[in-house]
Amino acid sequence: MRRNNPYKWWNLLFFLGVLTVNTLSVTLPLGGNSTGEISDRYHTYLTPAGYAFSIWSLIYLLLAGFVVYQFRQDTGSRDSVHSVGIWFVLSCIFNMGWLFLWHYLYIELSLAAMVLMLITLIVIYRRTRSITTPTSGEQWLVKLPFSIYLSWISVATIVNVSVVLEKNHWEGFGLSGPAWAVIMLCAGTLLAVAVSFPFRDCMYPLVFMWAFTAIALEHKDTNSVFIAGLVTACLLLLYSIWLLLTPSRSR
C-alpha cells in the first residue's frame, strides 16, 4: 500500500514562498538594502567574493528537484521522502525569516534565524543520510540537495557570526581580524571533515572549498587570509576527491 506524503503540498507552497521572497529581496530590494550593500557595510575578513553566492541557484534548482520528486506517484511514498517530514517546511520558514531580518538590518536576529535554519537542515541531513542503498533518484534529488544546502548554511552561519561581531565592534580578545579569519578557516575545515567523514559525503566539503576559495580571492591583499583560504580550499578539494574515489570498505 502506497503511503501519501502529508507534507508535499506544504513543501511546494513554502518553497514557492522562499523563491518569491528571494526574488523580492533582489528586485525591490527588501528594506531598500541589497544583500551586497549590507555585506559591504559589515565587511569582515570572512566575507567571500560576490560570485560565491551564485551557489544559491544550484541549491534552489536541486530543491525544486526534491519538491517534484516527492510528487511523483512512484517515489513520493518512499521512506526517504517521508523522513524529511515537516523539517523542510520549517527550513523554508527560517530561510524567509532570515531574508526579511537581514534586509531590514536586524542582524543579530538574522543570526538566530540562520541557526534555526541550520538546525532544521542538520535534522534533514541526518535523516536522508540514513538511506543506505539509495536509488539514483534518491541520490540526486533527496541526498544531494540537502548535502549542499546544509554545507552552504554551515559556512553562511560562520560568516553571519563574524558580521554580528563586526557590527558590535568585538575586539577579538586582542587578536587581529586576519588572525581570527585564519582560525575560523581552519576550524571550518575540521568541521567539514568531521561532518562528511562518517557519511562518506564528498559534496559537503566541496561547498566549503568553494566558499574558502571565494574568501581567499576577496582578501587577496591580506596575505594570511589569502594563503589560509587557498590552502584549506586545496586540502578540502583533495579530501573530497579521496572520499569520492576510495571504496568505502577500504576507508
Protein backbone atom coordinates (compact mmCIF):
# COMPACT_ATOMS: atom_id res chain seq x y z
CA MET A 1 0.00 0.00 0.00
CA ARG A 2 1.41 3.36 -1.02
CA ARG A 3 1.61 5.99 1.69
CA ASN A 4 0.57 9.53 0.98
CA ASN A 5 3.04 12.26 1.88
CA PRO A 6 1.02 14.70 4.04
CA TYR A 7 3.59 17.47 3.57
CA LYS A 8 4.01 17.51 -0.19
CA TRP A 9 1.68 20.45 -0.82
CA TRP A 10 3.09 22.35 2.15
CA ASN A 11 6.59 21.69 0.83
CA LEU A 12 5.61 23.13 -2.54
CA LEU A 13 3.83 26.14 -1.04
CA PHE A 14 6.66 27.15 1.27
CA PHE A 15 9.33 26.50 -1.34
CA LEU A 16 7.49 28.85 -3.71
CA GLY A 17 7.37 31.31 -0.81
CA VAL A 18 11.15 31.13 -0.48
CA LEU A 19 11.61 31.75 -4.19
CA THR A 20 9.20 34.70 -4.04
CA VAL A 21 10.91 36.34 -1.07
CA ASN A 22 14.32 35.81 -2.67
CA THR A 23 13.09 37.46 -5.84
CA LEU A 24 11.70 40.41 -3.87
CA SER A 25 14.97 40.75 -1.97
CA VAL A 26 16.70 41.37 -5.30
CA THR A 27 14.08 43.30 -7.27
CA LEU A 28 12.71 45.68 -4.63
CA PRO A 29 15.03 45.15 -2.68
CA LEU A 30 13.55 44.34 0.73
CA GLY A 31 14.21 47.10 3.24
CA GLY A 32 15.76 49.17 0.48
CA ASN A 33 19.04 47.33 1.02
CA SER A 34 20.62 44.87 -1.38
CA THR A 35 22.47 41.87 0.02
CA GLY A 36 25.72 43.24 -1.40
CA GLU A 37 25.24 46.65 0.23
CA ILE A 38 24.69 45.05 3.63
CA SER A 39 27.67 42.78 3.13
CA ASP A 40 29.84 45.80 2.27
CA ARG A 41 28.54 47.68 5.31
CA TYR A 42 29.65 44.89 7.63
CA HIS A 43 32.60 43.62 5.65
CA THR A 44 34.75 41.11 7.56
CA TYR A 45 37.80 39.01 6.75
CA LEU A 46 35.44 36.05 6.21
CA THR A 47 33.27 37.83 3.65
CA PRO A 48 33.54 35.86 0.39
CA ALA A 49 33.72 37.32 -3.11
CA GLY A 50 30.30 38.06 -4.53
CA TYR A 51 30.35 35.24 -7.06
CA ALA A 52 30.22 32.68 -4.22
CA PHE A 53 26.55 33.44 -3.64
CA SER A 54 25.67 32.11 -7.09
CA ILE A 55 25.58 28.70 -5.42
CA TRP A 56 22.04 29.58 -4.34
CA SER A 57 20.93 28.99 -7.94
CA LEU A 58 22.20 25.41 -7.72
CA ILE A 59 20.67 24.90 -4.28
CA TYR A 60 17.24 26.08 -5.37
CA LEU A 61 17.41 24.03 -8.57
CA LEU A 62 18.16 20.89 -6.55
CA LEU A 63 15.45 21.69 -4.01
CA ALA A 64 12.99 22.13 -6.88
CA GLY A 65 14.01 18.64 -7.98
CA PHE A 66 13.22 17.32 -4.50
CA VAL A 67 9.81 19.00 -4.50
CA VAL A 68 8.95 17.45 -7.87
CA TYR A 69 10.35 14.06 -6.80
CA GLN A 70 8.07 13.90 -3.77
CA PHE A 71 5.02 14.47 -6.00
CA ARG A 72 5.71 11.51 -8.27
CA GLN A 73 3.46 8.56 -7.55
CA ASP A 74 6.25 6.01 -7.69
CA THR A 75 8.69 7.94 -5.47
CA GLY A 76 6.62 10.16 -3.19
CA SER A 77 5.76 7.24 -0.93
CA ARG A 78 9.37 6.22 -0.29
CA ASP A 79 10.77 6.31 3.25
CA SER A 80 13.46 8.74 2.11
CA VAL A 81 10.83 11.34 1.24
CA HIS A 82 8.74 10.72 4.33
CA SER A 83 11.78 11.03 6.57
CA VAL A 84 12.06 14.74 5.71
CA GLY A 85 8.71 15.32 7.40
CA ILE A 86 7.87 18.85 8.41
CA TRP A 87 11.51 19.89 8.63
CA PHE A 88 11.66 21.15 5.04
CA VAL A 89 8.72 23.48 5.71
CA LEU A 90 10.47 24.79 8.82
CA SER A 91 13.69 25.36 6.88
CA CYS A 92 11.74 27.42 4.34
CA ILE A 93 10.15 29.50 7.11
CA PHE A 94 13.54 30.28 8.65
CA ASN A 95 15.01 30.98 5.20
CA MET A 96 12.34 33.59 4.53
CA GLY A 97 12.70 34.94 8.06
CA TRP A 98 16.44 35.36 7.60
CA LEU A 99 15.94 37.32 4.38
CA PHE A 100 13.50 39.76 5.99
CA LEU A 101 15.63 40.22 9.11
CA TRP A 102 18.86 40.65 7.13
CA HIS A 103 17.45 43.15 4.65
CA TYR A 104 15.77 45.20 7.38
CA LEU A 105 19.11 45.23 9.25
CA TYR A 106 18.08 43.14 12.25
CA ILE A 107 21.48 41.49 12.00
CA GLU A 108 21.52 39.77 15.40
CA LEU A 109 18.04 38.35 14.87
CA SER A 110 19.05 37.20 11.39
CA LEU A 111 21.76 35.09 13.02
CA ALA A 112 19.12 33.47 15.24
CA ALA A 113 17.02 32.67 12.16
CA MET A 114 20.05 31.20 10.41
CA VAL A 115 20.92 29.00 13.39
CA LEU A 116 17.34 27.69 13.42
CA MET A 117 17.56 27.01 9.69
CA LEU A 118 20.87 25.22 10.29
CA ILE A 119 19.23 23.00 12.92
CA THR A 120 16.40 22.00 10.58
CA LEU A 121 18.90 21.12 7.85
CA ILE A 122 21.00 19.07 10.25
CA VAL A 123 17.91 17.01 11.07
CA ILE A 124 17.06 16.53 7.39
CA TYR A 125 20.68 15.71 6.54
CA ARG A 126 20.95 13.03 9.20
CA ARG A 127 17.63 11.51 8.17
CA THR A 128 18.43 11.44 4.46
CA ARG A 129 21.92 10.13 5.12
CA SER A 130 20.36 7.06 6.75
CA ILE A 131 19.42 5.88 3.24
CA THR A 132 21.98 3.09 2.88
CA THR A 133 21.20 1.89 -0.66
CA PRO A 134 19.72 4.91 -2.42
CA THR A 135 18.25 4.77 -5.89
CA SER A 136 19.64 7.22 -8.43
CA GLY A 137 16.62 9.44 -7.80
CA GLU A 138 17.24 9.45 -4.05
CA GLN A 139 20.92 10.13 -4.56
CA TRP A 140 20.40 13.13 -6.85
CA LEU A 141 17.09 14.54 -5.61
CA VAL A 142 16.99 13.71 -1.89
CA LYS A 143 20.52 13.28 -0.55
CA LEU A 144 22.43 15.71 -2.79
CA PRO A 145 20.18 18.80 -2.36
CA PHE A 146 20.33 18.72 1.41
CA SER A 147 24.04 17.93 1.48
CA ILE A 148 24.87 21.06 -0.50
CA TYR A 149 22.22 23.14 1.29
CA LEU A 150 23.47 22.19 4.77
CA SER A 151 27.07 22.76 3.79
CA TRP A 152 26.41 26.25 2.46
CA ILE A 153 24.35 27.22 5.51
CA SER A 154 27.15 25.88 7.72
CA VAL A 155 29.56 28.30 6.03
CA ALA A 156 26.98 31.10 5.99
CA THR A 157 26.44 30.72 9.73
CA ILE A 158 30.16 31.22 10.36
CA VAL A 159 30.11 34.33 8.16
CA ASN A 160 26.92 35.58 9.83
CA VAL A 161 28.57 35.26 13.25
CA SER A 162 31.53 37.31 12.02
CA VAL A 163 29.15 40.00 10.75
CA VAL A 164 27.38 40.20 14.12
CA LEU A 165 30.73 40.52 15.88
CA GLU A 166 31.86 43.22 13.42
CA LYS A 167 28.61 45.13 13.89
CA ASN A 168 29.08 45.10 17.66
CA HIS A 169 32.77 46.10 17.44
CA TRP A 170 34.12 42.93 19.04
CA GLU A 171 37.82 43.32 19.79
CA GLY A 172 38.72 39.66 19.35
CA PHE A 173 40.48 39.13 22.70
CA GLY A 174 43.42 41.09 21.34
CA LEU A 175 43.80 39.04 18.15
CA SER A 176 43.58 40.79 14.80
CA GLY A 177 40.79 40.27 12.30
CA PRO A 178 43.01 38.33 9.88
CA ALA A 179 44.20 36.07 12.71
CA TRP A 180 40.62 35.19 13.63
CA ALA A 181 39.82 34.59 9.96
CA VAL A 182 42.67 32.09 9.71
CA ILE A 183 41.47 30.37 12.89
CA MET A 184 37.93 30.10 11.55
CA LEU A 185 39.11 28.81 8.18
CA CYS A 186 40.99 26.03 9.97
CA ALA A 187 38.02 25.34 12.24
CA GLY A 188 35.71 25.26 9.21
CA THR A 189 37.99 22.74 7.55
CA LEU A 190 37.84 20.47 10.59
CA LEU A 191 34.07 20.86 10.69
CA ALA A 192 33.76 19.88 7.02
CA VAL A 193 35.80 16.74 7.64
CA ALA A 194 34.01 15.84 10.87
CA VAL A 195 30.55 16.09 9.31
CA SER A 196 31.31 14.43 5.99
CA PHE A 197 33.57 11.55 7.02
CA PRO A 198 31.02 9.38 8.89
CA PHE A 199 28.67 9.60 5.89
CA ARG A 200 31.38 9.46 3.20
CA ASP A 201 29.85 12.61 1.73
CA CYS A 202 32.21 14.15 -0.83
CA MET A 203 29.87 17.04 -1.65
CA TYR A 204 29.74 18.61 1.83
CA PRO A 205 33.44 19.60 1.92
CA LEU A 206 33.33 20.72 -1.73
CA VAL A 207 30.97 23.55 -0.80
CA PHE A 208 33.40 24.66 1.92
CA MET A 209 36.15 24.56 -0.72
CA TRP A 210 34.03 26.82 -2.97
CA ALA A 211 33.44 29.29 -0.13
CA PHE A 212 37.02 29.32 1.14
CA THR A 213 38.34 29.98 -2.36
CA ALA A 214 35.96 32.94 -2.63
CA ILE A 215 37.13 34.21 0.77
CA ALA A 216 40.76 33.97 -0.33
CA LEU A 217 40.09 35.87 -3.55
CA GLU A 218 38.11 38.56 -1.76
CA HIS A 219 41.06 39.16 0.59
CA LYS A 220 43.98 38.66 -1.77
CA ASP A 221 45.59 41.80 -0.35
CA THR A 222 45.69 40.24 3.13
CA ASN A 223 48.37 37.58 2.80
CA SER A 224 47.46 35.47 5.82
CA VAL A 225 43.80 35.18 4.86
CA PHE A 226 44.60 34.67 1.19
CA ILE A 227 47.08 31.89 1.85
CA ALA A 228 44.95 30.20 4.54
CA GLY A 229 41.91 30.32 2.28
CA LEU A 230 43.73 28.76 -0.66
CA VAL A 231 45.48 26.11 1.44
CA THR A 232 42.31 25.00 3.23
CA ALA A 233 40.41 25.01 -0.06
CA CYS A 234 43.05 22.80 -1.69
CA LEU A 235 43.05 20.41 1.26
CA LEU A 236 39.27 20.12 1.13
CA LEU A 237 39.36 19.50 -2.61
CA LEU A 238 41.86 16.68 -2.17
CA TYR A 239 39.83 15.27 0.71
CA SER A 240 36.63 15.35 -1.38
CA ILE A 241 38.36 13.54 -4.24
CA TRP A 242 39.63 10.94 -1.78
CA LEU A 243 36.12 10.38 -0.43
CA LEU A 244 34.80 10.04 -3.96
CA LEU A 245 37.43 7.61 -5.26
CA THR A 246 38.21 5.46 -2.24
CA PRO A 247 35.98 2.39 -1.91
CA SER A 248 34.07 2.54 1.37
CA ARG A 249 35.25 -0.88 2.52
CA SER A 250 38.88 0.29 2.46
CA ARG A 251 38.31 3.53 4.31
